[in-house]
Amino acid sequence: MSNTKVLIFCWLALVVATAVTVYFGASTMTLASQVAAVLIVAIIKSGLIIDGFMELRHTQQRWRVIMYGWPLAMSLIIAVTILIPHFMAS
């Protein structure tokens, strides 16, 4: 696939993922489900940015591990920070 097609696909996927995030954020799911859904979509979006726009799919594996590790670590920290007080109050 040409570079332009990859960028257009990534852009469209990011638009759809943003709409999905808004849907999950406004839904009537439980807080834990909302947090999990939004963070999963955020990780998917970060993967699109890392591989698509930053073009790190062509680089060494260690750089990809570092770049993917950051959104995963931040998502875990956010989930713990939001959900621990929620579960302690229950």
PDB file of N, CA and C in Angstrom:
ATOM      1  N   MET A   1       0.844  -1.169   0.000  1.00  0.00           N
ATOM      2  CA  MET A   1       0.000   0.000   0.000  1.00  0.00           C
ATOM      3  C   MET A   1       0.893   1.237   0.000  1.00  0.00           C
ATOM      4  N   SER A   2       0.534   2.247  -0.766  1.00  0.00           N
ATOM      5  CA  SER A   2       1.354   3.456  -0.830  1.00  0.00           C
ATOM      6  C   SER A   2       1.250   4.236   0.473  1.00  0.00           C
ATOM      7  N   ASN A   3       2.221   5.098   0.693  1.00  0.00           N
ATOM      8  CA  ASN A   3       2.274   5.871   1.925  1.00  0.00           C
ATOM      9  C   ASN A   3       1.042   6.757   2.079  1.00  0.00           C
ATOM     10  N   THR A   4       0.565   7.321   0.985  1.00  0.00           N
ATOM     11  CA  THR A   4      -0.622   8.171   1.042  1.00  0.00           C
ATOM     12  C   THR A   4      -1.839   7.374   1.471  1.00  0.00           C
ATOM     13  N   LYS A   5      -1.988   6.178   0.942  1.00  0.00           N
ATOM     14  CA  LYS A   5      -3.122   5.333   1.320  1.00  0.00           C
ATOM     15  C   LYS A   5      -3.042   4.933   2.785  1.00  0.00           C
ATOM     16  N   VAL A   6      -1.850   4.662   3.280  1.00  0.00           N
ATOM     17  CA  VAL A   6      -1.676   4.316   4.693  1.00  0.00           C
ATOM     18  C   VAL A   6      -2.102   5.486   5.565  1.00  0.00           C
ATOM     19  N   LEU A   7      -1.676   6.688   5.205  1.00  0.00           N
ATOM     20  CA  LEU A   7      -2.027   7.871   5.990  1.00  0.00           C
ATOM     21  C   LEU A   7      -3.526   8.142   5.964  1.00  0.00           C
ATOM     22  N   ILE A   8      -4.146   7.979   4.811  1.00  0.00           N
ATOM     23  CA  ILE A   8      -5.596   8.189   4.716  1.00  0.00           C
ATOM     24  C   ILE A   8      -6.335   7.146   5.535  1.00  0.00           C
ATOM     25  N   PHE A   9      -5.901   5.886   5.453  1.00  0.00           N
ATOM     26  CA  PHE A   9      -6.524   4.838   6.263  1.00  0.00           C
ATOM     27  C   PHE A   9      -6.383   5.148   7.752  1.00  0.00           C
ATOM     28  N   CYS A  10      -5.189   5.546   8.173  1.00  0.00           N
ATOM     29  CA  CYS A  10      -4.963   5.872   9.587  1.00  0.00           C
ATOM     30  C   CYS A  10      -5.837   7.036  10.023  1.00  0.00           C
ATOM     31  N   TRP A  11      -5.933   8.044   9.188  1.00  0.00           N
ATOM     32  CA  TRP A  11      -6.747   9.205   9.519  1.00  0.00           C
ATOM     33  C   TRP A  11      -8.212   8.807   9.667  1.00  0.00           C
ATOM     34  N   LEU A  12      -8.735   8.028   8.730  1.00  0.00           N
ATOM     35  CA  LEU A  12     -10.130   7.584   8.815  1.00  0.00           C
ATOM     36  C   LEU A  12     -10.359   6.706  10.042  1.00  0.00           C
ATOM     37  N   ALA A  13      -9.415   5.828  10.326  1.00  0.00           N
ATOM     38  CA  ALA A  13      -9.538   4.971  11.506  1.00  0.00           C
ATOM     39  C   ALA A  13      -9.509   5.803  12.787  1.00  0.00           C
ATOM     40  N   LEU A  14      -8.700   6.846  12.827  1.00  0.00           N
ATOM     41  CA  LEU A  14      -8.661   7.724  13.997  1.00  0.00           C
ATOM     42  C   LEU A  14      -9.972   8.487  14.165  1.00  0.00           C
ATOM     43  N   VAL A  15     -10.575   8.901  13.068  1.00  0.00           N
ATOM     44  CA  VAL A  15     -11.871   9.583  13.138  1.00  0.00           C
ATOM     45  C   VAL A  15     -12.927   8.640  13.704  1.00  0.00           C
ATOM     46  N   VAL A  16     -12.966   7.418  13.198  1.00  0.00           N
ATOM     47  CA  VAL A  16     -13.929   6.427  13.689  1.00  0.00           C
ATOM     48  C   VAL A  16     -13.664   6.109  15.158  1.00  0.00           C
ATOM     49  N   ALA A  17     -12.403   5.930  15.523  1.00  0.00           N
ATOM     50  CA  ALA A  17     -12.063   5.623  16.911  1.00  0.00           C
ATOM     51  C   ALA A  17     -12.443   6.769  17.843  1.00  0.00           C
ATOM     52  N   THR A  18     -12.312   7.999  17.381  1.00  0.00           N
ATOM     53  CA  THR A  18     -12.726   9.143  18.190  1.00  0.00           C
ATOM     54  C   THR A  18     -14.233   9.131  18.403  1.00  0.00           C
ATOM     55  N   ALA A  19     -14.989   8.820  17.371  1.00  0.00           N
ATOM     56  CA  ALA A  19     -16.445   8.723  17.504  1.00  0.00           C
ATOM     57  C   ALA A  19     -16.830   7.600  18.465  1.00  0.00           C
ATOM     58  N   VAL A  20     -16.126   6.492  18.389  1.00  0.00           N
ATOM     59  CA  VAL A  20     -16.387   5.370  19.305  1.00  0.00           C
ATOM     60  C   VAL A  20     -16.081   5.776  20.744  1.00  0.00           C
ATOM     61  N   THR A  21     -15.011   6.529  20.946  1.00  0.00           N
ATOM     62  CA  THR A  21     -14.659   7.001  22.282  1.00  0.00           C
ATOM     63  C   THR A  21     -15.754   7.897  22.844  1.00  0.00           C
ATOM     64  N   VAL A  22     -16.267   8.802  22.030  1.00  0.00           N
ATOM     65  CA  VAL A  22     -17.352   9.687  22.473  1.00  0.00           C
ATOM     66  C   VAL A  22     -18.586   8.864  22.819  1.00  0.00           C
ATOM     67  N   TYR A  23     -18.895   7.868  22.006  1.00  0.00           N
ATOM     68  CA  TYR A  23     -20.043   7.000  22.282  1.00  0.00           C
ATOM     69  C   TYR A  23     -19.883   6.288  23.622  1.00  0.00           C
ATOM     70  N   PHE A  24     -18.715   5.692  23.855  1.00  0.00           N
ATOM     71  CA  PHE A  24     -18.485   4.995  25.117  1.00  0.00           C
ATOM     72  C   PHE A  24     -18.527   5.957  26.300  1.00  0.00           C
ATOM     73  N   GLY A  25     -17.979   7.149  26.127  1.00  0.00           N
ATOM     74  CA  GLY A  25     -17.965   8.123  27.210  1.00  0.00           C
ATOM     75  C   GLY A  25     -19.353   8.603  27.587  1.00  0.00           C
ATOM     76  N   ALA A  26     -20.261   8.652  26.623  1.00  0.00           N
ATOM     77  CA  ALA A  26     -21.617   9.131  26.869  1.00  0.00           C
ATOM     78  C   ALA A  26     -22.597   7.998  27.161  1.00  0.00           C
ATOM     79  N   SER A  27     -22.145   6.775  27.131  1.00  0.00           N
ATOM     80  CA  SER A  27     -23.048   5.641  27.321  1.00  0.00           C
ATOM     81  C   SER A  27     -23.416   5.477  28.792  1.00  0.00           C
ATOM     82  N   THR A  28     -24.347   4.586  29.037  1.00  0.00           N
ATOM     83  CA  THR A  28     -24.814   4.341  30.402  1.00  0.00           C
ATOM     84  C   THR A  28     -24.127   3.129  31.030  1.00  0.00           C
ATOM     85  N   MET A  29     -22.977   2.767  30.510  1.00  0.00           N
ATOM     86  CA  MET A  29     -22.231   1.643  31.079  1.00  0.00           C
ATOM     87  C   MET A  29     -21.723   2.023  32.465  1.00  0.00           C
ATOM     88  N   THR A  30     -21.300   1.033  33.210  1.00  0.00           N
ATOM     89  CA  THR A  30     -20.703   1.316  34.513  1.00  0.00           C
ATOM     90  C   THR A  30     -19.392   2.068  34.322  1.00  0.00           C
ATOM     91  N   LEU A  31     -18.935   2.708  35.396  1.00  0.00           N
ATOM     92  CA  LEU A  31     -17.698   3.479  35.310  1.00  0.00           C
ATOM     93  C   LEU A  31     -16.531   2.596  34.885  1.00  0.00           C
ATOM     94  N   ALA A  32     -16.437   1.413  35.461  1.00  0.00           N
ATOM     95  CA  ALA A  32     -15.334   0.512  35.125  1.00  0.00           C
ATOM     96  C   ALA A  32     -15.367   0.132  33.646  1.00  0.00           C
ATOM     97  N   SER A  33     -16.555  -0.128  33.120  1.00  0.00           N
ATOM     98  CA  SER A  33     -16.681  -0.480  31.703  1.00  0.00           C
ATOM     99  C   SER A  33     -16.338   0.698  30.807  1.00  0.00           C
ATOM    100  N   GLN A  34     -16.777   1.889  31.198  1.00  0.00           N
ATOM    101  CA  GLN A  34     -16.450   3.081  30.411  1.00  0.00           C
ATOM    102  C   GLN A  34     -14.950   3.324  30.371  1.00  0.00           C
ATOM    103  N   VAL A  35     -14.315   3.250  31.535  1.00  0.00           N
ATOM    104  CA  VAL A  35     -12.872   3.478  31.604  1.00  0.00           C
ATOM    105  C   VAL A  35     -12.139   2.456  30.751  1.00  0.00           C
ATOM    106  N   ALA A  36     -12.510   1.192  30.882  1.00  0.00           N
ATOM    107  CA  ALA A  36     -11.849   0.140  30.109  1.00  0.00           C
ATOM    108  C   ALA A  36     -12.040   0.360  28.611  1.00  0.00           C
ATOM    109  N   ALA A  37     -13.260   0.662  28.194  1.00  0.00           N
ATOM    110  CA  ALA A  37     -13.542   0.842  26.770  1.00  0.00           C
ATOM    111  C   ALA A  37     -12.784   2.037  26.194  1.00  0.00           C
ATOM    112  N   VAL A  38     -12.808   3.152  26.909  1.00  0.00           N
ATOM    113  CA  VAL A  38     -12.132   4.355  26.412  1.00  0.00           C
ATOM    114  C   VAL A  38     -10.625   4.138  26.355  1.00  0.00           C
ATOM    115  N   LEU A  39     -10.060   3.480  27.356  1.00  0.00           N
ATOM    116  CA  LEU A  39      -8.616   3.245  27.361  1.00  0.00           C
ATOM    117  C   LEU A  39      -8.194   2.254  26.275  1.00  0.00           C
ATOM    118  N   ILE A  40      -9.009   1.257  26.013  1.00  0.00           N
ATOM    119  CA  ILE A  40      -8.695   0.314  24.933  1.00  0.00           C
ATOM    120  C   ILE A  40      -8.694   1.035  23.584  1.00  0.00           C
ATOM    121  N   VAL A  41      -9.687   1.891  23.373  1.00  0.00           N
ATOM    122  CA  VAL A  41      -9.718   2.660  22.123  1.00  0.00           C
ATOM    123  C   VAL A  41      -8.517   3.600  22.052  1.00  0.00           C
ATOM    124  N   ALA A  42      -8.133   4.188  23.178  1.00  0.00           N
ATOM    125  CA  ALA A  42      -6.962   5.079  23.195  1.00  0.00           C
ATOM    126  C   ALA A  42      -5.685   4.323  22.834  1.00  0.00           C
ATOM    127  N   ILE A  43      -5.559   3.095  23.310  1.00  0.00           N
ATOM    128  CA  ILE A  43      -4.383   2.285  22.968  1.00  0.00           C
ATOM    129  C   ILE A  43      -4.381   1.958  21.472  1.00  0.00           C
ATOM    130  N   ILE A  44      -5.546   1.644  20.936  1.00  0.00           N
ATOM    131  CA  ILE A  44      -5.645   1.378  19.499  1.00  0.00           C
ATOM    132  C   ILE A  44      -5.267   2.630  18.703  1.00  0.00           C
ATOM    133  N   LYS A  45      -5.760   3.786  19.150  1.00  0.00           N
ATOM    134  CA  LYS A  45      -5.423   5.042  18.468  1.00  0.00           C
ATOM    135  C   LYS A  45      -3.923   5.319  18.539  1.00  0.00           C
ATOM    136  N   SER A  46      -3.324   5.049  19.686  1.00  0.00           N
ATOM    137  CA  SER A  46      -1.877   5.280  19.792  1.00  0.00           C
ATOM    138  C   SER A  46      -1.112   4.352  18.850  1.00  0.00           C
ATOM    139  N   GLY A  47      -1.599   3.130  18.677  1.00  0.00           N
ATOM    140  CA  GLY A  47      -0.971   2.216  17.724  1.00  0.00           C
ATOM    141  C   GLY A  47      -1.062   2.721  16.295  1.00  0.00           C
ATOM    142  N   LEU A  48      -2.210   3.287  15.943  1.00  0.00           N
ATOM    143  CA  LEU A  48      -2.351   3.870  14.602  1.00  0.00           C
ATOM    144  C   LEU A  48      -1.383   5.028  14.401  1.00  0.00           C
ATOM    145  N   ILE A  49      -1.227   5.847  15.417  1.00  0.00           N
ATOM    146  CA  ILE A  49      -0.314   6.988  15.304  1.00  0.00           C
ATOM    147  C   ILE A  49       1.134   6.514  15.238  1.00  0.00           C
ATOM    148  N   ILE A  50       1.483   5.559  16.095  1.00  0.00           N
ATOM    149  CA  ILE A  50       2.866   5.066  16.138  1.00  0.00           C
ATOM    150  C   ILE A  50       3.249   4.400  14.819  1.00  0.00           C
ATOM    151  N   ASP A  51       2.413   3.510  14.344  1.00  0.00           N
ATOM    152  CA  ASP A  51       2.751   2.773  13.117  1.00  0.00           C
ATOM    153  C   ASP A  51       2.434   3.552  11.847  1.00  0.00           C
ATOM    154  N   GLY A  52       1.347   4.316  11.858  1.00  0.00           N
ATOM    155  CA  GLY A  52       0.919   4.998  10.651  1.00  0.00           C
ATOM    156  C   GLY A  52       1.600   6.329  10.428  1.00  0.00           C
ATOM    157  N   PHE A  53       1.365   7.270  11.334  1.00  0.00           N
ATOM    158  CA  PHE A  53       1.883   8.621  11.127  1.00  0.00           C
ATOM    159  C   PHE A  53       3.364   8.739  11.449  1.00  0.00           C
ATOM    160  N   MET A  54       3.807   8.082  12.508  1.00  0.00           N
ATOM    161  CA  MET A  54       5.228   8.158  12.867  1.00  0.00           C
ATOM    162  C   MET A  54       6.064   7.168  12.063  1.00  0.00           C
ATOM    163  N   GLU A  55       5.400   6.234  11.393  1.00  0.00           N
ATOM    164  CA  GLU A  55       6.030   5.220  10.540  1.00  0.00           C
ATOM    165  C   GLU A  55       7.088   4.397  11.271  1.00  0.00           C
ATOM    166  N   LEU A  56       6.812   4.074  12.518  1.00  0.00           N
ATOM    167  CA  LEU A  56       7.754   3.253  13.273  1.00  0.00           C
ATOM    168  C   LEU A  56       7.600   1.766  12.972  1.00  0.00           C
ATOM    169  N   ARG A  57       6.690   1.419  12.075  1.00  0.00           N
ATOM    170  CA  ARG A  57       6.578   0.011  11.688  1.00  0.00           C
ATOM    171  C   ARG A  57       7.808  -0.441  10.907  1.00  0.00           C
ATOM    172  N   HIS A  58       8.634   0.514  10.458  1.00  0.00           N
ATOM    173  CA  HIS A  58       9.840   0.202   9.693  1.00  0.00           C
ATOM    174  C   HIS A  58      11.109   0.271  10.536  1.00  0.00           C
ATOM    175  N   THR A  59      10.995   0.467  11.820  1.00  0.00           N
ATOM    176  CA  THR A  59      12.176   0.679  12.655  1.00  0.00           C
ATOM    177  C   THR A  59      12.497  -0.563  13.486  1.00  0.00           C
ATOM    178  N   GLN A  60      13.512  -0.448  14.314  1.00  0.00           N
ATOM    179  CA  GLN A  60      13.927  -1.570  15.155  1.00  0.00           C
ATOM    180  C   GLN A  60      12.835  -1.909  16.169  1.00  0.00           C
ATOM    181  N   GLN A  61      12.804  -3.163  16.557  1.00  0.00           N
ATOM    182  CA  GLN A  61      11.776  -3.659  17.463  1.00  0.00           C
ATOM    183  C   GLN A  61      11.813  -2.951  18.816  1.00  0.00           C
ATOM    184  N   ARG A  62      12.989  -2.621  19.311  1.00  0.00           N
ATOM    185  CA  ARG A  62      13.067  -2.010  20.644  1.00  0.00           C
ATOM    186  C   ARG A  62      12.384  -0.650  20.680  1.00  0.00           C
ATOM    187  N   TRP A  63      12.459   0.118  19.593  1.00  0.00           N
ATOM    188  CA  TRP A  63      11.786   1.411  19.564  1.00  0.00           C
ATOM    189  C   TRP A  63      10.274   1.240  19.560  1.00  0.00           C
ATOM    190  N   ARG A  64       9.814   0.231  18.883  1.00  0.00           N
ATOM    191  CA  ARG A  64       8.371  -0.036  18.879  1.00  0.00           C
ATOM    192  C   ARG A  64       7.903  -0.479  20.254  1.00  0.00           C
ATOM    193  N   VAL A  65       8.700  -1.290  20.925  1.00  0.00           N
ATOM    194  CA  VAL A  65       8.346  -1.730  22.280  1.00  0.00           C
ATOM    195  C   VAL A  65       8.277  -0.530  23.217  1.00  0.00           C
ATOM    196  N   ILE A  66       9.248   0.362  23.111  1.00  0.00           N
ATOM    197  CA  ILE A  66       9.249   1.567  23.946  1.00  0.00           C
ATOM    198  C   ILE A  66       8.019   2.418  23.643  1.00  0.00           C
ATOM    199  N   MET A  67       7.744   2.625  22.378  1.00  0.00           N
ATOM    200  CA  MET A  67       6.624   3.489  22.000  1.00  0.00           C
ATOM    201  C   MET A  67       5.273   2.878  22.365  1.00  0.00           C
ATOM    202  N   TYR A  68       5.129   1.577  22.238  1.00  0.00           N
ATOM    203  CA  TYR A  68       3.879   0.930  22.635  1.00  0.00           C
ATOM    204  C   TYR A  68       3.778   0.775  24.149  1.00  0.00           C
ATOM    205  N   GLY A  69       4.910   0.686  24.814  1.00  0.00           N
ATOM    206  CA  GLY A  69       4.904   0.540  26.265  1.00  0.00           C
ATOM    207  C   GLY A  69       4.377   1.763  26.979  1.00  0.00           C
ATOM    208  N   TRP A  70       4.657   2.934  26.427  1.00  0.00           N
ATOM    209  CA  TRP A  70       4.226   4.177  27.073  1.00  0.00           C
ATOM    210  C   TRP A  70       2.697   4.280  27.152  1.00  0.00           C
ATOM    211  N   PRO A  71       1.936   4.131  26.067  1.00  0.00           N
ATOM    212  CA  PRO A  71       0.472   4.202  26.189  1.00  0.00           C
ATOM    213  C   PRO A  71      -0.095   3.101  27.078  1.00  0.00           C
ATOM    214  N   LEU A  72       0.511   1.919  27.029  1.00  0.00           N
ATOM    215  CA  LEU A  72       0.034   0.842  27.898  1.00  0.00           C
ATOM    216  C   LEU A  72       0.255   1.184  29.367  1.00  0.00           C
ATOM    217  N   ALA A  73       1.431   1.705  29.687  1.00  0.00           N
ATOM    218  CA  ALA A  73       1.732   2.076  31.072  1.00  0.00           C
ATOM    219  C   ALA A  73       0.821   3.206  31.539  1.00  0.00           C
ATOM    220  N   MET A  74       0.630   4.213  30.717  1.00  0.00           N
ATOM    221  CA  MET A  74      -0.228   5.339  31.101  1.00  0.00           C
ATOM    222  C   MET A  74      -1.679   4.898  31.258  1.00  0.00           C
ATOM    223  N   SER A  75      -2.140   4.005  30.399  1.00  0.00           N
ATOM    224  CA  SER A  75      -3.507   3.503  30.517  1.00  0.00           C
ATOM    225  C   SER A  75      -3.695   2.731  31.812  1.00  0.00           C
ATOM    226  N   LEU A  76      -2.705   1.946  32.172  1.00  0.00           N
ATOM    227  CA  LEU A  76      -2.776   1.206  33.429  1.00  0.00           C
ATOM    228  C   LEU A  76      -2.809   2.155  34.619  1.00  0.00           C
ATOM    229  N   ILE A  77      -1.969   3.171  34.603  1.00  0.00           N
ATOM    230  CA  ILE A  77      -1.942   4.141  35.702  1.00  0.00           C
ATOM    231  C   ILE A  77      -3.269   4.891  35.790  1.00  0.00           C
ATOM    232  N   ILE A  78      -3.813   5.307  34.656  1.00  0.00           N
ATOM    233  CA  ILE A  78      -5.097   6.010  34.649  1.00  0.00           C
ATOM    234  C   ILE A  78      -6.203   5.109  35.179  1.00  0.00           C
ATOM    235  N   ALA A  79      -6.239   3.867  34.722  1.00  0.00           N
ATOM    236  CA  ALA A  79      -7.274   2.937  35.172  1.00  0.00           C
ATOM    237  C   ALA A  79      -7.199   2.719  36.676  1.00  0.00           C
ATOM    238  N   VAL A  80      -6.005   2.512  37.185  1.00  0.00           N
ATOM    239  CA  VAL A  80      -5.846   2.292  38.626  1.00  0.00           C
ATOM    240  C   VAL A  80      -6.254   3.540  39.398  1.00  0.00           C
ATOM    241  N   THR A  81      -5.841   4.708  38.933  1.00  0.00           N
ATOM    242  CA  THR A  81      -6.155   5.958  39.617  1.00  0.00           C
ATOM    243  C   THR A  81      -7.657   6.218  39.656  1.00  0.00           C
ATOM    244  N   ILE A  82      -8.351   5.904  38.585  1.00  0.00           N
ATOM    245  CA  ILE A  82      -9.791   6.154  38.532  1.00  0.00           C
ATOM    246  C   ILE A  82     -10.577   5.072  39.255  1.00  0.00           C
ATOM    247  N   LEU A  83     -10.176   3.834  39.112  1.00  0.00           N
ATOM    248  CA  LEU A  83     -11.001   2.737  39.604  1.00  0.00           C
ATOM    249  C   LEU A  83     -10.785   2.389  41.069  1.00  0.00           C
ATOM    250  N   ILE A  84      -9.610   2.635  41.628  1.00  0.00           N
ATOM    251  CA  ILE A  84      -9.391   2.291  43.039  1.00  0.00           C
ATOM    252  C   ILE A  84     -10.343   3.056  43.951  1.00  0.00           C
ATOM    253  N   PRO A  85     -10.471   4.381  43.828  1.00  0.00           N
ATOM    254  CA  PRO A  85     -11.437   5.069  44.696  1.00  0.00           C
ATOM    255  C   PRO A  85     -12.871   4.594  44.455  1.00  0.00           C
ATOM    256  N   HIS A  86     -13.189   4.262  43.214  1.00  0.00           N
ATOM    257  CA  HIS A  86     -14.535   3.783  42.894  1.00  0.00           C
ATOM    258  C   HIS A  86     -14.823   2.464  43.609  1.00  0.00           C
ATOM    259  N   PHE A  87     -13.860   1.542  43.608  1.00  0.00           N
ATOM    260  CA  PHE A  87     -14.070   0.256  44.255  1.00  0.00           C
ATOM    261  C   PHE A  87     -13.996   0.360  45.774  1.00  0.00           C
ATOM    262  N   MET A  88     -13.221   1.295  46.288  1.00  0.00           N
ATOM    263  CA  MET A  88     -13.126   1.453  47.735  1.00  0.00           C
ATOM    264  C   MET A  88     -14.410   2.046  48.305  1.00  0.00           C
ATOM    265  N   ALA A  89     -15.122   2.847  47.515  1.00  0.00           N
ATOM    266  CA  ALA A  89     -16.368   3.453  47.973  1.00  0.00           C
ATOM    267  C   ALA A  89     -17.522   2.458  47.933  1.00  0.00           C
ATOM    268  N   SER A  90     -17.375   1.411  47.160  1.00  0.00           N
ATOM    269  CA  SER A  90     -18.463   0.427  47.020  1.00  0.00           C
ATOM    270  C   SER A  90     -18.600  -0.455  48.226  1.00  0.00           C
TER     271      SER A  90
END
